[in-house]
C-alpha atoms as a PDB file:
ATOM      1  CA  UNK A   1      57.815  -1.348 -39.775  1.00  0.00           C
ATOM      2  CA  UNK A   2      56.739  -3.560 -36.894  1.00  0.00           C
ATOM      3  CA  UNK A   3      57.937  -0.903 -34.471  1.00  0.00           C
ATOM      4  CA  UNK A   4      55.707   1.747 -36.064  1.00  0.00           C
ATOM      5  CA  UNK A   5      52.773  -0.642 -35.995  1.00  0.00           C
ATOM      6  CA  UNK A   6      53.290  -1.337 -32.311  1.00  0.00           C
ATOM      7  CA  UNK A   7      53.575   2.425 -31.611  1.00  0.00           C
ATOM      8  CA  UNK A   8      50.307   3.163 -33.408  1.00  0.00           C
ATOM      9  CA  UNK A   9      48.578   0.286 -31.653  1.00  0.00           C
ATOM     10  CA  UNK A  10      49.752   1.612 -28.273  1.00  0.00           C
ATOM     11  CA  UNK A  11      48.414   5.089 -29.068  1.00  0.00           C
ATOM     12  CA  UNK A  12      45.033   3.624 -29.975  1.00  0.00           C
ATOM     13  CA  UNK A  13      44.932   1.644 -26.746  1.00  0.00           C
ATOM     14  CA  UNK A  14      45.759   4.763 -24.726  1.00  0.00           C
ATOM     15  CA  UNK A  15      43.066   6.812 -26.502  1.00  0.00           C
ATOM     16  CA  UNK A  16      40.501   4.014 -26.044  1.00  0.00           C
ATOM     17  CA  UNK A  17      41.326   3.756 -22.344  1.00  0.00           C
ATOM     18  CA  UNK A  18      40.992   7.497 -21.946  1.00  0.00           C
ATOM     19  CA  UNK A  19      37.660   7.451 -23.740  1.00  0.00           C
ATOM     20  CA  UNK A  20      36.382   4.652 -21.523  1.00  0.00           C
ATOM     21  CA  UNK A  21      37.470   6.581 -18.431  1.00  0.00           C
ATOM     22  CA  UNK A  22      35.697   9.717 -19.611  1.00  0.00           C
ATOM     23  CA  UNK A  23      38.964  11.619 -19.961  1.00  0.00           C
ATOM     24  CA  UNK A  24      38.685  12.590 -23.604  1.00  0.00           C
ATOM     25  CA  UNK A  25      39.411  16.240 -24.377  1.00  0.00           C
ATOM     26  CA  UNK A  26      36.608  18.619 -23.279  1.00  0.00           C
ATOM     27  CA  UNK A  27      36.250  19.946 -26.820  1.00  0.00           C
ATOM     28  CA  UNK A  28      35.388  16.501 -28.120  1.00  0.00           C
ATOM     29  CA  UNK A  29      32.959  15.899 -25.217  1.00  0.00           C
ATOM     30  CA  UNK A  30      31.216  19.189 -25.892  1.00  0.00           C
ATOM     31  CA  UNK A  31      30.993  18.411 -29.581  1.00  0.00           C
ATOM     32  CA  UNK A  32      29.413  15.022 -28.955  1.00  0.00           C
ATOM     33  CA  UNK A  33      26.940  16.499 -26.435  1.00  0.00           C
ATOM     34  CA  UNK A  34      25.857  19.178 -28.871  1.00  0.00           C
ATOM     35  CA  UNK A  35      25.163  16.529 -31.551  1.00  0.00           C
ATOM     36  CA  UNK A  36      22.683  14.695 -29.356  1.00  0.00           C
ATOM     37  CA  UNK A  37      19.265  14.938 -31.129  1.00  0.00           C
ATOM     38  CA  UNK A  38      17.353  16.380 -28.152  1.00  0.00           C
ATOM     39  CA  UNK A  39      20.094  18.936 -27.588  1.00  0.00           C
ATOM     40  CA  UNK A  40      19.910  19.977 -31.241  1.00  0.00           C
ATOM     41  CA  UNK A  41      16.115  20.287 -30.911  1.00  0.00           C
ATOM     42  CA  UNK A  42      16.533  22.441 -27.808  1.00  0.00           C
ATOM     43  CA  UNK A  43      18.886  24.826 -29.630  1.00  0.00           C
ATOM     44  CA  UNK A  44      16.452  25.157 -32.504  1.00  0.00           C
ATOM     45  CA  UNK A  45      13.626  25.975 -30.095  1.00  0.00           C
ATOM     46  CA  UNK A  46      15.787  28.629 -28.425  1.00  0.00           C
ATOM     47  CA  UNK A  47      16.332  30.218 -31.829  1.00  0.00           C
ATOM     48  CA  UNK A  48      12.562  30.128 -32.339  1.00  0.00           C
ATOM     49  CA  UNK A  49      12.110  31.762 -28.894  1.00  0.00           C
ATOM     50  CA  UNK A  50      10.161  28.741 -27.673  1.00  0.00           C
ATOM     51  CA  UNK A  51      11.922  28.736 -24.315  1.00  0.00           C
ATOM     52  CA  UNK A  52       9.589  26.351 -22.520  1.00  0.00           C
ATOM     53  CA  UNK A  53       9.889  23.881 -25.387  1.00  0.00           C
ATOM     54  CA  UNK A  54      13.665  24.293 -25.282  1.00  0.00           C
ATOM     55  CA  UNK A  55      13.699  23.442 -21.564  1.00  0.00           C
ATOM     56  CA  UNK A  56      11.741  20.249 -22.257  1.00  0.00           C
ATOM     57  CA  UNK A  57      14.175  19.276 -25.037  1.00  0.00           C
ATOM     58  CA  UNK A  58      17.289  19.833 -22.887  1.00  0.00           C
ATOM     59  CA  UNK A  59      15.700  17.877 -20.014  1.00  0.00           C
ATOM     60  CA  UNK A  60      15.195  14.985 -22.446  1.00  0.00           C
ATOM     61  CA  UNK A  61      18.827  15.360 -23.513  1.00  0.00           C
ATOM     62  CA  UNK A  62      19.865  14.890 -19.868  1.00  0.00           C
ATOM     63  CA  UNK A  63      17.744  11.759 -19.654  1.00  0.00           C
ATOM     64  CA  UNK A  64      19.739  10.343 -22.555  1.00  0.00           C
ATOM     65  CA  UNK A  65      23.083  11.589 -21.213  1.00  0.00           C
ATOM     66  CA  UNK A  66      22.987  12.590 -17.511  1.00  0.00           C
ATOM     67  CA  UNK A  67      26.623  13.766 -17.773  1.00  0.00           C
ATOM     68  CA  UNK A  68      25.939  16.362 -20.476  1.00  0.00           C
ATOM     69  CA  UNK A  69      27.539  19.516 -19.112  1.00  0.00           C
ATOM     70  CA  UNK A  70      26.283  21.554 -22.065  1.00  0.00           C
ATOM     71  CA  UNK A  71      22.671  20.516 -21.444  1.00  0.00           C
ATOM     72  CA  UNK A  72      23.042  21.688 -17.822  1.00  0.00           C
ATOM     73  CA  UNK A  73      24.550  24.949 -19.048  1.00  0.00           C
ATOM     74  CA  UNK A  74      21.667  25.599 -21.441  1.00  0.00           C
ATOM     75  CA  UNK A  75      19.094  24.800 -18.756  1.00  0.00           C
ATOM     76  CA  UNK A  76      20.870  27.049 -16.254  1.00  0.00           C
ATOM     77  CA  UNK A  77      20.817  29.903 -18.753  1.00  0.00           C
ATOM     78  CA  UNK A  78      17.141  29.374 -19.611  1.00  0.00           C
ATOM     79  CA  UNK A  79      16.028  29.226 -15.976  1.00  0.00           C
ATOM     80  CA  UNK A  80      18.160  32.260 -15.170  1.00  0.00           C
ATOM     81  CA  UNK A  81      17.351  34.539 -18.071  1.00  0.00           C
ATOM     82  CA  UNK A  82      14.035  33.376 -19.541  1.00  0.00           C
ATOM     83  CA  UNK A  83      11.852  31.872 -16.828  1.00  0.00           C
ATOM     84  CA  UNK A  84      13.099  33.635 -13.671  1.00  0.00           C
ATOM     85  CA  UNK A  85      13.578  30.438 -11.660  1.00  0.00           C
ATOM     86  CA  UNK A  86      16.786  31.134  -9.690  1.00  0.00           C
ATOM     87  CA  UNK A  87      16.683  27.885  -7.718  1.00  0.00           C
ATOM     88  CA  UNK A  88      16.636  25.741 -10.869  1.00  0.00           C
ATOM     89  CA  UNK A  89      19.269  27.967 -12.481  1.00  0.00           C
ATOM     90  CA  UNK A  90      21.621  27.495  -9.508  1.00  0.00           C
ATOM     91  CA  UNK A  91      21.242  23.711  -9.671  1.00  0.00           C
ATOM     92  CA  UNK A  92      22.057  23.428 -13.384  1.00  0.00           C
ATOM     93  CA  UNK A  93      24.908  25.948 -13.204  1.00  0.00           C
ATOM     94  CA  UNK A  94      26.487  23.965 -10.371  1.00  0.00           C
ATOM     95  CA  UNK A  95      26.087  20.715 -12.268  1.00  0.00           C
ATOM     96  CA  UNK A  96      27.738  22.329 -15.273  1.00  0.00           C
ATOM     97  CA  UNK A  97      30.775  23.359 -13.197  1.00  0.00           C
ATOM     98  CA  UNK A  98      30.898  19.950 -11.538  1.00  0.00           C
ATOM     99  CA  UNK A  99      31.032  18.167 -14.917  1.00  0.00           C
ATOM    100  CA  UNK A 100      33.295  20.780 -16.489  1.00  0.00           C
ATOM    101  CA  UNK A 101      35.386  22.343 -13.694  1.00  0.00           C
ATOM    102  CA  UNK A 102      37.972  23.768 -16.117  1.00  0.00           C
ATOM    103  CA  UNK A 103      35.435  25.569 -18.301  1.00  0.00           C
ATOM    104  CA  UNK A 104      36.587  28.852 -19.772  1.00  0.00           C
ATOM    105  CA  UNK A 105      33.479  30.602 -18.477  1.00  0.00           C
ATOM    106  CA  UNK A 106      33.707  29.147 -14.937  1.00  0.00           C
ATOM    107  CA  UNK A 107      34.189  32.581 -13.337  1.00  0.00           C
ATOM    108  CA  UNK A 108      31.200  33.994 -15.180  1.00  0.00           C
ATOM    109  CA  UNK A 109      29.035  31.051 -14.151  1.00  0.00           C
ATOM    110  CA  UNK A 110      30.071  31.497 -10.497  1.00  0.00           C
ATOM    111  CA  UNK A 111      28.999  35.123 -10.657  1.00  0.00           C
ATOM    112  CA  UNK A 112      25.663  34.096 -12.116  1.00  0.00           C
ATOM    113  CA  UNK A 113      25.198  31.582  -9.299  1.00  0.00           C
ATOM    114  CA  UNK A 114      25.910  34.293  -6.725  1.00  0.00           C
ATOM    115  CA  UNK A 115      23.416  36.646  -8.388  1.00  0.00           C
ATOM    116  CA  UNK A 116      20.751  33.925  -8.461  1.00  0.00           C
ATOM    117  CA  UNK A 117      21.276  33.269  -4.751  1.00  0.00           C
ATOM    118  CA  UNK A 118      20.805  36.964  -4.019  1.00  0.00           C
ATOM    119  CA  UNK A 119      17.617  37.002  -6.050  1.00  0.00           C
ATOM    120  CA  UNK A 120      16.336  33.882  -4.300  1.00  0.00           C
ATOM    121  CA  UNK A 121      17.046  35.373  -0.872  1.00  0.00           C
ATOM    122  CA  UNK A 122      15.315  38.624  -1.824  1.00  0.00           C
ATOM    123  CA  UNK A 123      12.221  36.709  -2.972  1.00  0.00           C
ATOM    124  CA  UNK A 124      12.040  34.663   0.224  1.00  0.00           C
ATOM    125  CA  UNK A 125      12.758  37.445   2.720  1.00  0.00           C
ATOM    126  CA  UNK A 126      12.879  40.941   1.259  1.00  0.00           C
ATOM    127  CA  UNK A 127      14.894  43.188   3.531  1.00  0.00           C
ATOM    128  CA  UNK A 128      15.026  46.983   3.352  1.00  0.00           C
ATOM    129  CA  UNK A 129      18.285  48.663   2.518  1.00  0.00           C
ATOM    130  CA  UNK A 130      20.293  50.264   5.299  1.00  0.00           C
ATOM    131  CA  UNK A 131      19.276  53.873   4.431  1.00  0.00           C
ATOM    132  CA  UNK A 132      15.600  52.898   4.178  1.00  0.00           C
ATOM    133  CA  UNK A 133      15.750  51.062   7.491  1.00  0.00           C
ATOM    134  CA  UNK A 134      17.405  54.079   9.136  1.00  0.00           C
ATOM    135  CA  UNK A 135      14.720  56.411   7.780  1.00  0.00           C
ATOM    136  CA  UNK A 136      11.972  54.122   9.013  1.00  0.00           C
ATOM    137  CA  UNK A 137      13.573  53.960  12.461  1.00  0.00           C
ATOM    138  CA  UNK A 138      13.822  57.746  12.639  1.00  0.00           C
ATOM    139  CA  UNK A 139      10.182  58.099  11.591  1.00  0.00           C
ATOM    140  CA  UNK A 140       9.048  55.678  14.304  1.00  0.00           C
ATOM    141  CA  UNK A 141      11.144  57.509  16.892  1.00  0.00           C
ATOM    142  CA  UNK A 142       9.539  60.836  15.945  1.00  0.00           C
ATOM    143  CA  UNK A 143       6.043  59.358  16.142  1.00  0.00           C
ATOM    144  CA  UNK A 144       6.843  57.891  19.557  1.00  0.00           C
ATOM    145  CA  UNK A 145       8.067  61.303  20.793  1.00  0.00           C
ATOM    146  CA  UNK A 146       4.879  62.996  19.560  1.00  0.00           C
ATOM    147  CA  UNK A 147       2.716  60.414  21.321  1.00  0.00           C
ATOM    148  CA  UNK A 148       4.628  60.954  24.553  1.00  0.00           C
ATOM    149  CA  UNK A 149       4.095  64.729  24.289  1.00  0.00           C
ATOM    150  CA  UNK A 150       0.375  64.279  23.686  1.00  0.00           C
ATOM    151  CA  UNK A 151       0.118  61.921  26.647  1.00  0.00           C
ATOM    152  CA  UNK A 152       1.876  64.416  28.919  1.00  0.00           C
ATOM    153  CA  UNK A 153      -0.494  67.217  27.809  1.00  0.00           C
ATOM    154  CA  UNK A 154      -3.580  65.118  28.507  1.00  0.00           C
ATOM    155  CA  UNK A 155      -2.286  64.103  31.923  1.00  0.00           C
ATOM    156  CA  UNK A 156      -1.687  67.734  32.855  1.00  0.00           C
ATOM    157  CA  UNK A 157      -5.169  68.680  31.617  1.00  0.00           C
ATOM    158  CA  UNK A 158      -6.940  65.988  33.644  1.00  0.00           C
ATOM    159  CA  UNK A 159      -4.886  66.841  36.728  1.00  0.00           C
ATOM    160  CA  UNK A 160      -5.952  70.492  36.488  1.00  0.00           C
ATOM    161  CA  UNK A 161      -9.603  69.503  36.014  1.00  0.00           C
ATOM    162  CA  UNK A 162      -9.457  67.210  39.047  1.00  0.00           C
ATOM    163  CA  UNK A 163      -7.900  69.948  41.192  1.00  0.00           C
ATOM    164  CA  UNK A 164     -10.571  72.446  40.097  1.00  0.00           C
ATOM    165  CA  UNK A 165     -13.327  69.975  40.938  1.00  0.00           C
ATOM    166  CA  UNK A 166     -11.960  69.404  44.427  1.00  0.00           C
ATOM    167  CA  UNK A 167     -11.687  73.144  45.207  1.00  0.00           C
ATOM    168  CA  UNK A 168     -15.221  74.029  44.025  1.00  0.00           C
ATOM    169  CA  UNK A 169     -18.011  73.825  46.642  1.00  0.00           C
ATOM    170  CA  UNK A 170     -20.562  71.106  46.042  1.00  0.00           C
ATOM    171  CA  UNK A 171     -24.144  72.520  46.239  1.00  0.00           C
ATOM    172  CA  UNK A 172     -26.455  70.871  48.775  1.00  0.00           C
ATOM    173  CA  UNK A 173     -29.336  68.947  47.213  1.00  0.00           C
ATOM    174  CA  UNK A 174     -32.817  70.467  47.569  1.00  0.00           C
ATOM    175  CA  UNK A 175     -35.430  68.062  48.862  1.00  0.00           C
ATOM    176  CA  UNK A 176     -38.572  67.708  46.752  1.00  0.00           C
ATOM    177  CA  UNK A 177     -37.964  70.620  44.403  1.00  0.00           C
ATOM    178  CA  UNK A 178     -41.128  72.182  43.023  1.00  0.00           C
ATOM    179  CA  UNK A 179     -40.967  73.333  39.414  1.00  0.00           C
ATOM    180  CA  UNK A 180     -41.701  76.991  38.939  1.00  0.00           C
ATOM    181  CA  UNK A 181     -44.863  77.813  37.075  1.00  0.00           C
ATOM    182  CA  UNK A 182     -44.856  81.007  35.102  1.00  0.00           C
ATOM    183  CA  UNK A 183     -47.872  83.285  35.074  1.00  0.00           C
ATOM    184  CA  UNK A 184     -47.990  82.931  31.313  1.00  0.00           C
ATOM    185  CA  UNK A 185     -48.345  79.158  31.507  1.00  0.00           C
ATOM    186  CA  UNK A 186     -51.169  79.446  34.066  1.00  0.00           C
ATOM    187  CA  UNK A 187     -53.044  82.113  32.230  1.00  0.00           C
ATOM    188  CA  UNK A 188     -52.878  80.531  28.800  1.00  0.00           C
ATOM    189  CA  UNK A 189     -53.840  77.002  29.827  1.00  0.00           C
ATOM    190  CA  UNK A 190     -57.327  76.213  28.515  1.00  0.00           C
ATOM    191  CA  UNK A 191     -60.060  75.797  31.079  1.00  0.00           C
ATOM    192  CA  UNK A 192     -60.802  72.201  31.957  1.00  0.00           C
ATOM    193  CA  UNK A 193     -57.606  70.852  30.295  1.00  0.00           C
ATOM    194  CA  UNK A 194     -55.276  68.767  32.443  1.00  0.00           C
ATOM    195  CA  UNK A 195     -51.949  70.683  32.416  1.00  0.00           C
ATOM    196  CA  UNK A 196     -50.188  68.353  34.826  1.00  0.00           C
ATOM    197  CA  UNK A 197     -50.520  70.795  37.747  1.00  0.00           C
ATOM    198  CA  UNK A 198     -53.108  70.612  40.540  1.00  0.00           C
ATOM    199  CA  UNK A 199     -56.209  72.452  39.447  1.00  0.00           C
ATOM    200  CA  UNK A 200     -58.083  73.865  42.420  1.00  0.00           C
ATOM    201  CA  UNK A 201     -61.368  75.727  42.291  1.00  0.00           C
ATOM    202  CA  UNK A 202     -61.644  79.387  43.159  1.00  0.00           C
ATOM    203  CA  UNK A 203     -61.101  80.140  46.830  1.00  0.00           C
ATOM    204  CA  UNK A 204     -64.212  79.307  48.743  1.00  0.00           C
ATOM    205  CA  UNK A 205     -66.144  82.138  50.271  1.00  0.00           C
ATOM    206  CA  UNK A 206     -66.269  82.484  54.027  1.00  0.00           C
ATOM    207  CA  UNK A 207     -68.562  79.895  55.576  1.00  0.00           C
ATOM    208  CA  UNK A 208     -68.614  77.638  52.455  1.00  0.00           C
ATOM    209  CA  UNK A 209     -67.860  73.948  52.612  1.00  0.00           C
ATOM    210  CA  UNK A 210     -65.054  72.022  50.806  1.00  0.00           C
ATOM    211  CA  UNK A 211     -64.176  68.407  50.191  1.00  0.00           C
ATOM    212  CA  UNK A 212     -60.717  66.915  49.557  1.00  0.00           C
ATOM    213  CA  UNK A 213     -60.815  64.099  47.042  1.00  0.00           C
ATOM    214  CA  UNK A 214     -59.697  60.838  48.632  1.00  0.00           C
ATOM    215  CA  UNK A 215     -58.026  57.944  46.836  1.00  0.00           C
ATOM    216  CA  UNK A 216     -60.456  56.053  44.603  1.00  0.00           C
ATOM    217  CA  UNK A 217     -63.199  58.717  44.784  1.00  0.00           C
ATOM    218  CA  UNK A 218     -65.019  59.972  41.729  1.00  0.00           C
ATOM    219  CA  UNK A 219     -67.423  62.851  41.252  1.00  0.00           C
ATOM    220  CA  UNK A 220     -70.400  60.429  41.320  1.00  0.00           C
ATOM    221  CA  UNK A 221     -69.237  58.730  44.520  1.00  0.00           C
ATOM    222  CA  UNK A 222     -68.756  62.129  46.171  1.00  0.00           C
ATOM    223  CA  UNK A 223     -72.241  63.291  45.240  1.00  0.00           C
ATOM    224  CA  UNK A 224     -73.757  60.060  46.584  1.00  0.00           C
ATOM    225  CA  UNK A 225     -71.668  60.263  49.740  1.00  0.00           C
ATOM    226  CA  UNK A 226     -72.504  63.895  50.475  1.00  0.00           C
ATOM    227  CA  UNK A 227     -76.022  63.819  49.112  1.00  0.00           C
ATOM    228  CA  UNK A 228     -75.601  66.560  46.539  1.00  0.00           C
ATOM    229  CA  UNK A 229     -76.437  66.694  42.880  1.00  0.00           C
ATOM    230  CA  UNK A 230     -73.744  66.413  40.267  1.00  0.00           C
ATOM    231  CA  UNK A 231     -74.964  69.580  38.558  1.00  0.00           C
ATOM    232  CA  UNK A 232     -74.795  71.498  41.838  1.00  0.00           C
ATOM    233  CA  UNK A 233     -71.241  70.208  42.438  1.00  0.00           C
ATOM    234  CA  UNK A 234     -70.266  71.325  38.919  1.00  0.00           C
ATOM    235  CA  UNK A 235     -71.815  74.763  39.509  1.00  0.00           C
ATOM    236  CA  UNK A 236     -69.856  75.157  42.745  1.00  0.00           C
ATOM    237  CA  UNK A 237     -66.632  74.270  40.892  1.00  0.00           C
ATOM    238  CA  UNK A 238     -66.660  76.132  37.575  1.00  0.00           C
ATOM    239  CA  UNK A 239     -63.675  75.376  35.336  1.00  0.00           C
ATOM    240  CA  UNK A 240     -63.085  71.958  36.949  1.00  0.00           C
ATOM    241  CA  UNK A 241     -63.464  68.818  34.859  1.00  0.00           C
ATOM    242  CA  UNK A 242     -65.213  66.524  37.332  1.00  0.00           C
ATOM    243  CA  UNK A 243     -64.435  63.524  35.146  1.00  0.00           C
ATOM    244  CA  UNK A 244     -60.712  64.035  35.791  1.00  0.00           C
ATOM    245  CA  UNK A 245     -60.490  64.905  39.456  1.00  0.00           C
ATOM    246  CA  UNK A 246     -57.402  63.637  41.293  1.00  0.00           C
ATOM    247  CA  UNK A 247     -56.562  62.488  44.768  1.00  0.00           C
ATOM    248  CA  UNK A 248     -55.890  65.496  47.039  1.00  0.00           C
ATOM    249  CA  UNK A 249     -57.847  67.947  44.895  1.00  0.00           C
ATOM    250  CA  UNK A 250     -60.078  70.316  46.890  1.00  0.00           C
ATOM    251  CA  UNK A 251     -63.640  70.785  45.674  1.00  0.00           C
ATOM    252  CA  UNK A 252     -66.206  73.373  46.757  1.00  0.00           C
ATOM    253  CA  UNK A 253     -69.451  71.910  47.940  1.00  0.00           C
ATOM    254  CA  UNK A 254     -72.730  73.526  47.045  1.00  0.00           C
ATOM    255  CA  UNK A 255     -74.797  75.155  49.746  1.00  0.00           C
ATOM    256  CA  UNK A 256     -77.201  72.766  51.421  1.00  0.00           C
END
């Protein structure tokens, strides 16, 4: 009887030591973690599809028990599947495997971690696939070839234009060109209207006198200078507007 009592006491001591060392069977650890009130609240919120509320509840469960592998697992799943936060999912998945390295779903969790890392890398630096990159490279090469062809055509065109310019004779400049005046323009211009061309009186008869308008002279100054009347000067120059005479214009003088 005493032997059986000592054997039972030894078993209790061994179990207590294992419990204190954290080496109790994983099934019992998982069961105790899932009974934690915040964990239970988180599971109920998941069932109610309140995923953000479930995350808050499981985070509170970790505050109570930082070594809760199941709380890390639930958070990893929520961040992975429900909130699209791959970085947070990777962290909680890794903590789950660290606290429960012999988990039955360890291989599945490792695959999920790998997929989350791929998603995180794609979000940070999206890279085109190999076929797409090859197509883009071929398109750029074709555009570059077309630009080179266009450049070569333009160079040849400008070279031909330059050669043609050098072979053509350059016309000599004409000094003081005088614009041609058509007979129609002369005949249709109203009498006494300034057309921009020198208006000379009719050719003077033989023996008549003329006067060339000097700079600054007016019809009045000419009549005073020559001692003739303005009306006589106008009569000797019919069709001339004496108010608009110009320097160099030739006027007929009346007979003395």
